[in-house]
Amino acid sequence: MAEPIMKRVKGDGIEINLAIWEGAGQPLLCIHGITANCRCWDTLAETLAPEHHVMAMDLRGRGRSDKPSQGYALDYHLRDINCLLDDLALDRAVIMGHSLGAFIGLAFAAEYPGRVERLILVDGGGDLSQDQMEKVFVGIKPALDRLGQVFPTADAYLKKMRAAPYIQPWSAVTEAYYRYEIEMVEGGVRTNIAPAHIQEEAANIRKVDCAPYYPQVKCDVLILRATRGLLSQDDILLPDDVIDRMMGEIPRAQRFDVEGMNHYGIVFQPHGARDEVIREFLKED
C-alpha cells in the first residue's frame, strides 16, 4: 500500500490537508464521508494512480485539516473546494465523493459546473425521505459513537474498531485509516474529530434538499451503489426508488451496483468490477 504525500492547501479562510497519490493523468479530487478522513480512499487510490493524479482532502474538522469552531455545512465545503482548486492552480478536476462527500460533490458540480470534469457519486447524493434518513443515521450510529471516547491506548482503540461488524474484513487499509485519526489527549487517545462539529454537520445535512441539484449537473456522472445495508437491509443509502429518481433527473448519469458491498466496503474493500467501471468511466470521450 503506497503512502500518500501530504500537503497543506488553502480552503475558505482555513487550511485543508490533502493526501496525494501522484500520477500523470487527469486530477481526481476525492471527498470523504461525515466522520471519515482522506485515508478512506487508499484502496481506490492504489487502483487509480499513477494512471490518474489522485487527491483526497480532509474536510474541515476532520483528519489534519483545520478545525474551526463552526462552519460545518454544505456551503462552507463548497467554498473550501473552490479555494483548494484555486490554490492548486487547477481549472477543473474529476470529483469523487462518498456518502456526505457525494452530497458535497453533487452540489459542487451544480454550483461550479465549469470546475467539474466528471462526477462520481459513491453511495450518496440521494434525496432521502425523513424516514430513510433516520434509518441511515441508525446505521451509521456505531461510527458516530466512537467520537469523543477516550481510550487508554491506541491499541485499545484499534481493538474496539477491529470488532466493529460494519467495517469487516479488517485490512491494512482500515488499520491505516483508524490510526490516522488518533490523537493524544489527557488520559489516553481519541479520534481527532470533535463530536460537536459532527452534530452541527448532521443537523445541516437533514435540511438539505439535494434533488434540485440533479438537473443542474451537466457533466457525465457515475453513481456507484452499495447493495448491502449496514445493520439491516433497510438502512441502505440509495434505495431503488431513490436511485431511479437520480437516473431520471441527472441528465448524463449511469449507475453501477457494487454487489456484496455495504456503505463502508464500497470504498474500503477491493472490488475488481467496481475498479474497472471507474477506469472505463474516466477514459470515456
C-alpha atoms as a PDB file:
ATOM      1  CA  MET A   1       0.000   0.000   0.000  1.00  0.00           C
ATOM      2  CA  ALA A   2       1.617   3.247  -1.169  1.00  0.00           C
ATOM      3  CA  GLU A   3       1.727   6.067   1.369  1.00  0.00           C
ATOM      4  CA  PRO A   4       0.339   9.349   0.030  1.00  0.00           C
ATOM      5  CA  ILE A   5       2.195  12.647   0.050  1.00  0.00           C
ATOM      6  CA  MET A   6       0.581  15.095   2.492  1.00  0.00           C
ATOM      7  CA  LYS A   7       0.179  18.745   1.522  1.00  0.00           C
ATOM      8  CA  ARG A   8      -1.442  21.776   3.139  1.00  0.00           C
ATOM      9  CA  VAL A   9      -3.609  23.854   0.805  1.00  0.00           C
ATOM     10  CA  LYS A  10      -5.875  26.859   1.213  1.00  0.00           C
ATOM     11  CA  GLY A  11      -9.550  26.453   1.919  1.00  0.00           C
ATOM     12  CA  ASP A  12     -12.002  29.250   2.640  1.00  0.00           C
ATOM     13  CA  GLY A  13     -10.094  31.010   5.410  1.00  0.00           C
ATOM     14  CA  ILE A  14      -8.655  27.760   6.726  1.00  0.00           C
ATOM     15  CA  GLU A  15      -6.026  25.232   5.702  1.00  0.00           C
ATOM     16  CA  ILE A  16      -7.049  21.884   4.268  1.00  0.00           C
ATOM     17  CA  ASN A  17      -4.913  18.761   4.429  1.00  0.00           C
ATOM     18  CA  LEU A  18      -4.595  16.950   1.123  1.00  0.00           C
ATOM     19  CA  ALA A  19      -3.345  13.392   0.542  1.00  0.00           C
ATOM     20  CA  ILE A  20      -1.799  12.965  -2.905  1.00  0.00           C
ATOM     21  CA  TRP A  21      -1.026   9.839  -4.904  1.00  0.00           C
ATOM     22  CA  GLU A  22       0.868  11.255  -7.844  1.00  0.00           C
ATOM     23  CA  GLY A  23       0.005  10.346 -11.397  1.00  0.00           C
ATOM     24  CA  ALA A  24       0.303  11.584 -14.941  1.00  0.00           C
ATOM     25  CA  GLY A  25      -3.387  11.693 -15.825  1.00  0.00           C
ATOM     26  CA  GLN A  26      -6.261  13.994 -15.046  1.00  0.00           C
ATOM     27  CA  PRO A  27      -6.609  15.220 -11.444  1.00  0.00           C
ATOM     28  CA  LEU A  28      -9.186  13.412  -9.333  1.00  0.00           C
ATOM     29  CA  LEU A  29     -10.341  15.001  -6.052  1.00  0.00           C
ATOM     30  CA  CYS A  30     -11.893  12.602  -3.507  1.00  0.00           C
ATOM     31  CA  ILE A  31     -14.242  13.770  -0.745  1.00  0.00           C
ATOM     32  CA  HIS A  32     -14.953  11.502   2.238  1.00  0.00           C
ATOM     33  CA  GLY A  33     -17.980  10.917   4.446  1.00  0.00           C
ATOM     34  CA  ILE A  34     -19.235  12.578   7.614  1.00  0.00           C
ATOM     35  CA  THR A  35     -16.830  11.067  10.199  1.00  0.00           C
ATOM     36  CA  ALA A  36     -14.165   9.814   7.794  1.00  0.00           C
ATOM     37  CA  ASN A  37     -10.808  11.143   6.615  1.00  0.00           C
ATOM     38  CA  CYS A  38      -8.671  11.192   3.484  1.00  0.00           C
ATOM     39  CA  ARG A  39      -7.239   7.715   4.140  1.00  0.00           C
ATOM     40  CA  CYS A  40     -10.557   6.013   3.374  1.00  0.00           C
ATOM     41  CA  TRP A  41      -9.511   6.373  -0.281  1.00  0.00           C
ATOM     42  CA  ASP A  42      -6.324   4.290  -0.024  1.00  0.00           C
ATOM     43  CA  THR A  43      -7.814   1.250  -1.779  1.00  0.00           C
ATOM     44  CA  LEU A  44      -9.176   3.187  -4.742  1.00  0.00           C
ATOM     45  CA  ALA A  45      -6.092   5.404  -4.950  1.00  0.00           C
ATOM     46  CA  GLU A  46      -3.889   2.343  -5.277  1.00  0.00           C
ATOM     47  CA  THR A  47      -6.076   1.205  -8.180  1.00  0.00           C
ATOM     48  CA  LEU A  48      -6.265   4.560  -9.982  1.00  0.00           C
ATOM     49  CA  ALA A  49      -2.753   6.000  -9.510  1.00  0.00           C
ATOM     50  CA  PRO A  50      -0.408   6.532 -11.272  1.00  0.00           C
ATOM     51  CA  GLU A  51      -2.682   6.489 -14.310  1.00  0.00           C
ATOM     52  CA  HIS A  52      -4.564   9.319 -12.606  1.00  0.00           C
ATOM     53  CA  HIS A  53      -3.402  12.030 -10.219  1.00  0.00           C
ATOM     54  CA  VAL A  54      -5.437  11.180  -7.119  1.00  0.00           C
ATOM     55  CA  MET A  55      -6.009  13.686  -4.324  1.00  0.00           C
ATOM     56  CA  ALA A  56      -8.111  13.194  -1.201  1.00  0.00           C
ATOM     57  CA  MET A  57      -8.994  16.033   1.143  1.00  0.00           C
ATOM     58  CA  ASP A  58      -9.668  16.007   4.850  1.00  0.00           C
ATOM     59  CA  LEU A  59     -12.869  18.008   5.190  1.00  0.00           C
ATOM     60  CA  ARG A  60     -12.712  20.871   7.670  1.00  0.00           C
ATOM     61  CA  GLY A  61     -12.858  19.491  11.199  1.00  0.00           C
ATOM     62  CA  ARG A  62     -11.558  16.082  10.173  1.00  0.00           C
ATOM     63  CA  GLY A  63      -8.155  14.480   9.888  1.00  0.00           C
ATOM     64  CA  ARG A  64      -5.374  17.054   9.777  1.00  0.00           C
ATOM     65  CA  SER A  65      -7.344  19.921   8.298  1.00  0.00           C
ATOM     66  CA  ASP A  66      -8.082  22.980  10.412  1.00  0.00           C
ATOM     67  CA  LYS A  67     -10.956  22.635  12.857  1.00  0.00           C
ATOM     68  CA  PRO A  68     -12.812  25.942  13.202  1.00  0.00           C
ATOM     69  CA  SER A  69     -15.397  26.207  15.964  1.00  0.00           C
ATOM     70  CA  GLN A  70     -18.249  26.332  13.432  1.00  0.00           C
ATOM     71  CA  GLY A  71     -18.902  26.166   9.724  1.00  0.00           C
ATOM     72  CA  TYR A  72     -19.942  22.553   9.198  1.00  0.00           C
ATOM     73  CA  ALA A  73     -22.445  22.862   6.386  1.00  0.00           C
ATOM     74  CA  LEU A  74     -22.618  22.395   2.631  1.00  0.00           C
ATOM     75  CA  ASP A  75     -21.833  25.988   1.615  1.00  0.00           C
ATOM     76  CA  TYR A  76     -18.604  26.002   3.635  1.00  0.00           C
ATOM     77  CA  HIS A  77     -17.416  22.787   1.997  1.00  0.00           C
ATOM     78  CA  LEU A  78     -18.171  24.120  -1.487  1.00  0.00           C
ATOM     79  CA  ARG A  79     -16.121  27.237  -0.827  1.00  0.00           C
ATOM     80  CA  ASP A  80     -13.286  25.158   0.616  1.00  0.00           C
ATOM     81  CA  ILE A  81     -13.139  23.046  -2.554  1.00  0.00           C
ATOM     82  CA  ASN A  82     -13.268  26.081  -4.817  1.00  0.00           C
ATOM     83  CA  CYS A  83     -10.395  27.707  -2.891  1.00  0.00           C
ATOM     84  CA  LEU A  84      -8.460  24.417  -2.859  1.00  0.00           C
ATOM     85  CA  LEU A  85      -8.627  24.138  -6.650  1.00  0.00           C
ATOM     86  CA  ASP A  86      -7.548  27.770  -6.970  1.00  0.00           C
ATOM     87  CA  ASP A  87      -4.577  27.169  -4.673  1.00  0.00           C
ATOM     88  CA  LEU A  88      -3.533  24.165  -6.764  1.00  0.00           C
ATOM     89  CA  ALA A  89      -3.992  26.194  -9.977  1.00  0.00           C
ATOM     90  CA  LEU A  90      -6.472  23.600 -11.279  1.00  0.00           C
ATOM     91  CA  ASP A  91      -9.249  24.867 -13.503  1.00  0.00           C
ATOM     92  CA  ARG A  92     -11.097  21.546 -13.450  1.00  0.00           C
ATOM     93  CA  ALA A  93     -10.984  18.161 -11.755  1.00  0.00           C
ATOM     94  CA  VAL A  94     -12.907  14.930 -11.603  1.00  0.00           C
ATOM     95  CA  ILE A  95     -14.813  14.901  -8.310  1.00  0.00           C
ATOM     96  CA  MET A  96     -15.467  11.626  -6.483  1.00  0.00           C
ATOM     97  CA  GLY A  97     -17.424  11.741  -3.238  1.00  0.00           C
ATOM     98  CA  HIS A  98     -18.554   9.069  -0.792  1.00  0.00           C
ATOM     99  CA  SER A  99     -21.618   9.454   1.454  1.00  0.00           C
ATOM    100  CA  LEU A 100     -21.582  13.088   2.693  1.00  0.00           C
ATOM    101  CA  GLY A 101     -18.811  13.629   0.152  1.00  0.00           C
ATOM    102  CA  ALA A 102     -21.246  12.591  -2.598  1.00  0.00           C
ATOM    103  CA  PHE A 103     -23.713  15.260  -1.455  1.00  0.00           C
ATOM    104  CA  ILE A 104     -20.892  17.792  -1.492  1.00  0.00           C
ATOM    105  CA  GLY A 105     -19.673  16.654  -4.906  1.00  0.00           C
ATOM    106  CA  LEU A 106     -23.190  16.798  -6.340  1.00  0.00           C
ATOM    107  CA  ALA A 107     -23.732  20.333  -5.053  1.00  0.00           C
ATOM    108  CA  PHE A 108     -20.300  21.459  -6.225  1.00  0.00           C
ATOM    109  CA  ALA A 109     -20.948  20.143  -9.741  1.00  0.00           C
ATOM    110  CA  ALA A 110     -24.248  22.033  -9.797  1.00  0.00           C
ATOM    111  CA  GLU A 111     -22.905  25.279  -8.342  1.00  0.00           C
ATOM    112  CA  TYR A 112     -19.494  25.270 -10.072  1.00  0.00           C
ATOM    113  CA  PRO A 113     -20.132  23.388 -13.333  1.00  0.00           C
ATOM    114  CA  GLY A 114     -17.056  24.830 -15.036  1.00  0.00           C
ATOM    115  CA  ARG A 115     -14.771  23.219 -12.468  1.00  0.00           C
ATOM    116  CA  VAL A 116     -16.012  19.622 -12.669  1.00  0.00           C
ATOM    117  CA  GLU A 117     -14.763  17.371 -15.453  1.00  0.00           C
ATOM    118  CA  ARG A 118     -16.761  14.337 -14.353  1.00  0.00           C
ATOM    119  CA  LEU A 119     -18.567  13.338 -11.176  1.00  0.00           C
ATOM    120  CA  ILE A 120     -18.551  10.008  -9.331  1.00  0.00           C
ATOM    121  CA  LEU A 121     -21.131   9.584  -6.564  1.00  0.00           C
ATOM    122  CA  VAL A 122     -20.199   6.705  -4.275  1.00  0.00           C
ATOM    123  CA  ASP A 123     -23.240   5.539  -2.302  1.00  0.00           C
ATOM    124  CA  GLY A 124     -24.570   9.003  -1.670  1.00  0.00           C
ATOM    125  CA  GLY A 125     -26.269  12.029  -3.167  1.00  0.00           C
ATOM    126  CA  GLY A 126     -29.766  10.552  -2.969  1.00  0.00           C
ATOM    127  CA  ASP A 127     -32.779  12.621  -1.966  1.00  0.00           C
ATOM    128  CA  LEU A 128     -33.864  10.550   1.034  1.00  0.00           C
ATOM    129  CA  SER A 129     -37.165  10.751   2.845  1.00  0.00           C
ATOM    130  CA  GLN A 130     -37.006  11.711   6.504  1.00  0.00           C
ATOM    131  CA  ASP A 131     -37.859   8.119   7.399  1.00  0.00           C
ATOM    132  CA  GLN A 132     -34.998   6.745   5.292  1.00  0.00           C
ATOM    133  CA  MET A 133     -32.629   9.402   6.615  1.00  0.00           C
ATOM    134  CA  GLU A 134     -33.398   8.260  10.166  1.00  0.00           C
ATOM    135  CA  LYS A 135     -32.672   4.641   9.199  1.00  0.00           C
ATOM    136  CA  VAL A 136     -29.334   5.705   7.732  1.00  0.00           C
ATOM    137  CA  PHE A 137     -28.363   7.582  10.891  1.00  0.00           C
ATOM    138  CA  VAL A 138     -29.207   4.500  12.929  1.00  0.00           C
ATOM    139  CA  GLY A 139     -26.959   2.512  10.591  1.00  0.00           C
ATOM    140  CA  ILE A 140     -24.000   4.865  10.989  1.00  0.00           C
ATOM    141  CA  LYS A 141     -24.534   5.364  14.742  1.00  0.00           C
ATOM    142  CA  PRO A 142     -21.699   2.961  15.684  1.00  0.00           C
ATOM    143  CA  ALA A 143     -19.293   5.134  13.682  1.00  0.00           C
ATOM    144  CA  LEU A 144     -20.654   8.278  15.316  1.00  0.00           C
ATOM    145  CA  ASP A 145     -20.409   6.763  18.789  1.00  0.00           C
ATOM    146  CA  ARG A 146     -16.620   6.410  18.613  1.00  0.00           C
ATOM    147  CA  LEU A 147     -16.222  10.191  18.550  1.00  0.00           C
ATOM    148  CA  GLY A 148     -15.237  11.780  21.835  1.00  0.00           C
ATOM    149  CA  GLN A 149     -14.489   8.484  23.583  1.00  0.00           C
ATOM    150  CA  VAL A 150     -11.117   8.344  25.332  1.00  0.00           C
ATOM    151  CA  PHE A 151      -9.249   5.034  25.156  1.00  0.00           C
ATOM    152  CA  PRO A 152      -6.229   4.230  27.328  1.00  0.00           C
ATOM    153  CA  THR A 153      -4.002   3.415  24.336  1.00  0.00           C
ATOM    154  CA  ALA A 154      -4.027   3.399  20.539  1.00  0.00           C
ATOM    155  CA  ASP A 155      -4.080  -0.404  20.657  1.00  0.00           C
ATOM    156  CA  ALA A 156      -7.211  -0.320  22.803  1.00  0.00           C
ATOM    157  CA  TYR A 157      -8.895   1.954  20.310  1.00  0.00           C
ATOM    158  CA  LEU A 158      -7.892  -0.221  17.358  1.00  0.00           C
ATOM    159  CA  LYS A 159      -9.106  -3.342  19.179  1.00  0.00           C
ATOM    160  CA  LYS A 160     -12.533  -1.702  19.534  1.00  0.00           C
ATOM    161  CA  MET A 161     -12.603  -0.811  15.828  1.00  0.00           C
ATOM    162  CA  ARG A 162     -11.463  -4.278  14.741  1.00  0.00           C
ATOM    163  CA  ALA A 163     -14.559  -5.714  16.461  1.00  0.00           C
ATOM    164  CA  ALA A 164     -16.954  -3.458  14.522  1.00  0.00           C
ATOM    165  CA  PRO A 165     -19.034  -5.648  12.185  1.00  0.00           C
ATOM    166  CA  TYR A 166     -19.690  -2.904   9.624  1.00  0.00           C
ATOM    167  CA  ILE A 167     -16.007  -2.416   8.676  1.00  0.00           C
ATOM    168  CA  GLN A 168     -15.121  -6.069   8.049  1.00  0.00           C
ATOM    169  CA  PRO A 169     -12.940  -7.608   6.813  1.00  0.00           C
ATOM    170  CA  TRP A 170     -10.164  -5.723   8.605  1.00  0.00           C
ATOM    171  CA  SER A 171      -7.180  -4.869   6.430  1.00  0.00           C
ATOM    172  CA  ALA A 172      -4.037  -2.755   6.261  1.00  0.00           C
ATOM    173  CA  VAL A 173      -6.184  -0.002   4.731  1.00  0.00           C
ATOM    174  CA  THR A 174      -8.630   0.116   7.643  1.00  0.00           C
ATOM    175  CA  GLU A 175      -5.738  -0.055  10.096  1.00  0.00           C
ATOM    176  CA  ALA A 176      -4.075   2.965   8.448  1.00  0.00           C
ATOM    177  CA  TYR A 177      -7.383   4.808   8.295  1.00  0.00           C
ATOM    178  CA  TYR A 178      -8.100   4.477  12.010  1.00  0.00           C
ATOM    179  CA  ARG A 179      -4.506   5.147  13.066  1.00  0.00           C
ATOM    180  CA  TYR A 180      -4.586   8.366  11.049  1.00  0.00           C
ATOM    181  CA  GLU A 181      -7.399   9.819  13.154  1.00  0.00           C
ATOM    182  CA  ILE A 182      -5.877   9.079  16.571  1.00  0.00           C
ATOM    183  CA  GLU A 183      -4.747  11.994  18.755  1.00  0.00           C
ATOM    184  CA  MET A 184      -3.163  12.007  22.191  1.00  0.00           C
ATOM    185  CA  VAL A 185      -5.223  13.560  24.996  1.00  0.00           C
ATOM    186  CA  GLU A 186      -5.154  13.537  28.770  1.00  0.00           C
ATOM    187  CA  GLY A 187      -5.916  10.001  29.868  1.00  0.00           C
ATOM    188  CA  GLY A 188      -5.154   8.322  26.575  1.00  0.00           C
ATOM    189  CA  VAL A 189      -6.217   8.718  22.937  1.00  0.00           C
ATOM    190  CA  ARG A 190      -9.322   9.584  20.956  1.00  0.00           C
ATOM    191  CA  THR A 191     -10.326  10.443  17.409  1.00  0.00           C
ATOM    192  CA  ASN A 192      -9.322  13.905  16.207  1.00  0.00           C
ATOM    193  CA  ILE A 193     -12.925  14.792  15.266  1.00  0.00           C
ATOM    194  CA  ALA A 194     -14.988  16.865  17.706  1.00  0.00           C
ATOM    195  CA  PRO A 195     -18.491  15.456  18.285  1.00  0.00           C
ATOM    196  CA  ALA A 196     -19.958  18.986  18.309  1.00  0.00           C
ATOM    197  CA  HIS A 197     -18.731  19.592  14.764  1.00  0.00           C
ATOM    198  CA  ILE A 198     -20.370  16.400  13.519  1.00  0.00           C
ATOM    199  CA  GLN A 199     -23.583  17.230  15.365  1.00  0.00           C
ATOM    200  CA  GLU A 200     -23.653  20.575  13.541  1.00  0.00           C
ATOM    201  CA  GLU A 201     -22.937  18.813  10.243  1.00  0.00           C
ATOM    202  CA  ALA A 202     -25.636  16.187  10.802  1.00  0.00           C
ATOM    203  CA  ALA A 203     -28.249  18.820  11.668  1.00  0.00           C
ATOM    204  CA  ASN A 204     -27.430  20.699   8.481  1.00  0.00           C
ATOM    205  CA  ILE A 205     -27.476  17.557   6.311  1.00  0.00           C
ATOM    206  CA  ARG A 206     -31.038  16.896   7.416  1.00  0.00           C
ATOM    207  CA  LYS A 207     -32.048  20.264   5.938  1.00  0.00           C
ATOM    208  CA  VAL A 208     -30.511  19.627   2.503  1.00  0.00           C
ATOM    209  CA  ASP A 209     -32.877  19.029  -0.396  1.00  0.00           C
ATOM    210  CA  CYS A 210     -30.479  17.696  -2.996  1.00  0.00           C
ATOM    211  CA  ALA A 211     -32.986  16.886  -5.774  1.00  0.00           C
ATOM    212  CA  PRO A 212     -32.929  20.450  -7.180  1.00  0.00           C
ATOM    213  CA  TYR A 213     -29.243  19.912  -7.955  1.00  0.00           C
ATOM    214  CA  TYR A 214     -29.919  16.931 -10.222  1.00  0.00           C
ATOM    215  CA  PRO A 215     -30.918  18.774 -13.424  1.00  0.00           C
ATOM    216  CA  GLN A 216     -28.166  21.348 -12.888  1.00  0.00           C
ATOM    217  CA  VAL A 217     -25.347  18.800 -13.222  1.00  0.00           C
ATOM    218  CA  LYS A 218     -24.115  19.000 -16.812  1.00  0.00           C
ATOM    219  CA  CYS A 219     -21.099  16.662 -16.713  1.00  0.00           C
ATOM    220  CA  ASP A 220     -21.042  12.874 -17.017  1.00  0.00           C
ATOM    221  CA  VAL A 221     -21.981  11.196 -13.733  1.00  0.00           C
ATOM    222  CA  LEU A 222     -21.265   7.688 -12.453  1.00  0.00           C
ATOM    223  CA  ILE A 223     -23.345   6.512  -9.496  1.00  0.00           C
ATOM    224  CA  LEU A 224     -21.918   3.596  -7.517  1.00  0.00           C
ATOM    225  CA  ARG A 225     -24.443   1.901  -5.264  1.00  0.00           C
ATOM    226  CA  ALA A 226     -23.748  -0.483  -2.371  1.00  0.00           C
ATOM    227  CA  THR A 227     -26.213  -3.362  -2.403  1.00  0.00           C
ATOM    228  CA  ARG A 228     -25.932  -4.328   1.274  1.00  0.00           C
ATOM    229  CA  GLY A 229     -27.128  -2.454   4.337  1.00  0.00           C
ATOM    230  CA  LEU A 230     -25.145  -1.727   7.483  1.00  0.00           C
ATOM    231  CA  LEU A 231     -27.241  -3.008  10.368  1.00  0.00           C
ATOM    232  CA  SER A 232     -30.131  -4.191   8.187  1.00  0.00           C
ATOM    233  CA  GLN A 233     -31.165  -4.113   4.540  1.00  0.00           C
ATOM    234  CA  ASP A 234     -33.385  -1.112   5.347  1.00  0.00           C
ATOM    235  CA  ASP A 235     -30.527   1.329   6.008  1.00  0.00           C
ATOM    236  CA  ILE A 236     -29.021   1.491   2.525  1.00  0.00           C
ATOM    237  CA  LEU A 237     -28.275   4.983   1.270  1.00  0.00           C
ATOM    238  CA  LEU A 238     -29.570   4.513  -2.266  1.00  0.00           C
ATOM    239  CA  PRO A 239     -32.842   2.530  -2.199  1.00  0.00           C
ATOM    240  CA  ASP A 240     -34.299   1.589  -5.584  1.00  0.00           C
ATOM    241  CA  ASP A 241     -36.766   4.487  -5.774  1.00  0.00           C
ATOM    242  CA  VAL A 242     -34.069   6.998  -4.836  1.00  0.00           C
ATOM    243  CA  ILE A 243     -31.516   5.869  -7.390  1.00  0.00           C
ATOM    244  CA  ASP A 244     -34.231   5.556 -10.049  1.00  0.00           C
ATOM    245  CA  ARG A 245     -35.050   9.225  -9.497  1.00  0.00           C
ATOM    246  CA  MET A 246     -31.386  10.176  -9.758  1.00  0.00           C
ATOM    247  CA  MET A 247     -31.094   8.300 -13.034  1.00  0.00           C
ATOM    248  CA  GLY A 248     -34.198  10.012 -14.352  1.00  0.00           C
ATOM    249  CA  GLU A 249     -33.277  13.562 -13.338  1.00  0.00           C
ATOM    250  CA  ILE A 250     -29.473  13.762 -13.661  1.00  0.00           C
ATOM    251  CA  PRO A 251     -29.043  14.331 -17.398  1.00  0.00           C
ATOM    252  CA  ARG A 252     -25.908  12.281 -18.108  1.00  0.00           C
ATOM    253  CA  ALA A 253     -25.942   9.659 -15.370  1.00  0.00           C
ATOM    254  CA  GLN A 254     -25.044   5.989 -15.387  1.00  0.00           C
ATOM    255  CA  ARG A 255     -25.150   3.564 -12.465  1.00  0.00           C
ATOM    256  CA  PHE A 256     -23.308   0.511 -11.264  1.00  0.00           C
ATOM    257  CA  ASP A 257     -24.371  -1.676  -8.352  1.00  0.00           C
ATOM    258  CA  VAL A 258     -21.342  -2.826  -6.360  1.00  0.00           C
ATOM    259  CA  GLU A 259     -22.575  -6.255  -5.400  1.00  0.00           C
ATOM    260  CA  GLY A 260     -21.859  -7.623  -1.949  1.00  0.00           C
ATOM    261  CA  MET A 261     -20.610  -4.331  -0.506  1.00  0.00           C
ATOM    262  CA  ASN A 262     -22.107  -2.178   2.231  1.00  0.00           C
ATOM    263  CA  HIS A 263     -21.711   1.576   2.651  1.00  0.00           C
ATOM    264  CA  TYR A 264     -18.159   1.246   4.023  1.00  0.00           C
ATOM    265  CA  GLY A 265     -16.964  -1.716   2.000  1.00  0.00           C
ATOM    266  CA  ILE A 266     -17.706   0.138  -1.223  1.00  0.00           C
ATOM    267  CA  VAL A 267     -14.637   2.292  -0.594  1.00  0.00           C
ATOM    268  CA  PHE A 268     -12.516   0.244   1.814  1.00  0.00           C
ATOM    269  CA  GLN A 269     -12.614  -3.195   0.221  1.00  0.00           C
ATOM    270  CA  PRO A 270     -11.104  -4.467  -3.049  1.00  0.00           C
ATOM    271  CA  HIS A 271     -13.670  -4.965  -5.815  1.00  0.00           C
ATOM    272  CA  GLY A 272     -12.427  -5.614  -9.330  1.00  0.00           C
ATOM    273  CA  ALA A 273     -15.689  -4.854 -11.139  1.00  0.00           C
ATOM    274  CA  ARG A 274     -16.051  -1.512  -9.341  1.00  0.00           C
ATOM    275  CA  ASP A 275     -12.496  -0.549 -10.255  1.00  0.00           C
ATOM    276  CA  GLU A 276     -12.974  -1.450 -13.902  1.00  0.00           C
ATOM    277  CA  VAL A 277     -16.167   0.591 -14.154  1.00  0.00           C
ATOM    278  CA  ILE A 278     -14.406   3.634 -12.682  1.00  0.00           C
ATOM    279  CA  ARG A 279     -11.429   3.267 -15.019  1.00  0.00           C
ATOM    280  CA  GLU A 280     -13.708   2.976 -18.055  1.00  0.00           C
ATOM    281  CA  PHE A 281     -15.758   5.971 -16.944  1.00  0.00           C
ATOM    282  CA  LEU A 282     -12.656   8.115 -16.555  1.00  0.00           C
ATOM    283  CA  LYS A 283     -11.393   7.377 -20.043  1.00  0.00           C
ATOM    284  CA  GLU A 284     -14.639   7.848 -21.918  1.00  0.00           C
ATOM    285  CA  ASP A 285     -14.550  10.572 -24.573  1.00  0.00           C
END
